[in-house]
């Protein structure tokens, strides 16, 4: 009790086909299959695709990032004086 047996699934499928009609059900399942196929294709794409821009970690530093010098060193001593 409480579990779905194969008989229950077949009855559910027959009722769904009767309610939605054969063509609608077929189109719906085709759309689901296309979605799964596109998902698998997207997951299988290579990570180093040259057409995609580089990520923030791997990418080059911008001018703003290169120009910003630290005001203090690791020990907390002042490195530059911006007064």
Protein backbone atom coordinates (compact mmCIF):
# COMPACT_ATOMS: atom_id res chain seq x y z
CA UNK A 1 0.00 0.00 0.00
CA UNK A 2 1.16 3.51 -0.73
CA UNK A 3 3.60 2.47 -3.46
CA UNK A 4 3.05 2.87 -7.18
CA UNK A 5 3.09 -0.42 -8.98
CA UNK A 6 3.50 -0.72 -12.76
CA UNK A 7 -0.27 -1.33 -13.03
CA UNK A 8 -0.96 2.03 -11.35
CA UNK A 9 1.44 3.79 -13.72
CA UNK A 10 -0.22 2.21 -16.77
CA UNK A 11 -3.68 3.26 -15.57
CA UNK A 12 -2.40 6.78 -14.93
CA UNK A 13 -0.87 6.95 -18.43
CA UNK A 14 -4.11 5.76 -20.07
CA UNK A 15 -6.15 8.37 -18.18
CA UNK A 16 -3.65 11.11 -19.13
CA UNK A 17 -3.84 10.12 -22.81
CA UNK A 18 -7.65 10.11 -22.69
CA UNK A 19 -7.81 13.53 -21.04
CA UNK A 20 -5.13 15.25 -23.09
CA UNK A 21 -5.64 13.46 -26.37
CA UNK A 22 -3.01 11.46 -28.23
CA UNK A 23 -1.55 14.39 -30.19
CA UNK A 24 -1.24 16.69 -27.21
CA UNK A 25 0.35 14.01 -25.09
CA UNK A 26 2.78 13.17 -27.88
CA UNK A 27 3.75 16.84 -28.29
CA UNK A 28 4.18 17.22 -24.55
CA UNK A 29 6.48 14.21 -24.33
CA UNK A 30 8.44 15.47 -27.37
CA UNK A 31 8.98 18.83 -25.65
CA UNK A 32 10.16 17.09 -22.49
CA UNK A 33 12.58 14.98 -24.53
CA UNK A 34 13.96 18.09 -26.27
CA UNK A 35 14.47 19.76 -22.92
CA UNK A 36 16.37 16.78 -21.53
CA UNK A 37 18.48 16.60 -24.70
CA UNK A 38 19.37 20.31 -24.52
CA UNK A 39 20.21 19.96 -20.82
CA UNK A 40 22.57 17.06 -21.49
CA UNK A 41 24.15 18.98 -24.37
CA UNK A 42 24.73 21.99 -22.13
CA UNK A 43 26.28 19.87 -19.41
CA UNK A 44 28.60 18.16 -21.91
CA UNK A 45 29.97 21.40 -23.42
CA UNK A 46 33.65 21.98 -22.92
CA UNK A 47 34.56 24.42 -20.13
CA UNK A 48 37.27 26.13 -22.16
CA UNK A 49 35.08 27.34 -25.00
CA UNK A 50 36.95 30.20 -26.74
CA UNK A 51 33.71 31.97 -27.65
CA UNK A 52 32.81 32.45 -23.95
CA UNK A 53 34.43 35.28 -21.99
CA UNK A 54 36.92 34.34 -19.30
CA UNK A 55 35.68 34.09 -15.74
CA UNK A 56 36.67 36.60 -13.06
CA UNK A 57 39.25 34.27 -11.54
CA UNK A 58 40.95 33.30 -14.80
CA UNK A 59 40.46 36.64 -16.56
CA UNK A 60 42.83 39.55 -16.86
CA UNK A 61 42.77 42.26 -14.23
CA UNK A 62 41.05 45.50 -15.11
CA UNK A 63 42.74 48.90 -14.95
CA UNK A 64 40.97 49.70 -11.69
CA UNK A 65 42.21 46.48 -10.10
CA UNK A 66 45.78 47.01 -11.31
CA UNK A 67 45.93 50.64 -10.15
CA UNK A 68 44.74 49.98 -6.60
CA UNK A 69 47.77 49.60 -4.36
CA UNK A 70 47.32 48.49 -0.75
CA UNK A 71 47.53 51.15 1.96
CA UNK A 72 48.85 48.68 4.56
CA UNK A 73 51.13 45.65 4.35
CA UNK A 74 50.43 42.25 5.90
CA UNK A 75 51.80 43.32 9.28
CA UNK A 76 49.55 46.38 9.47
CA UNK A 77 52.25 48.94 8.71
CA UNK A 78 51.28 51.88 6.50
CA UNK A 79 52.71 51.45 2.99
CA UNK A 80 51.49 54.65 1.37
CA UNK A 81 50.38 58.00 2.71
CA UNK A 82 47.14 59.32 1.12
CA UNK A 83 46.64 62.40 3.29
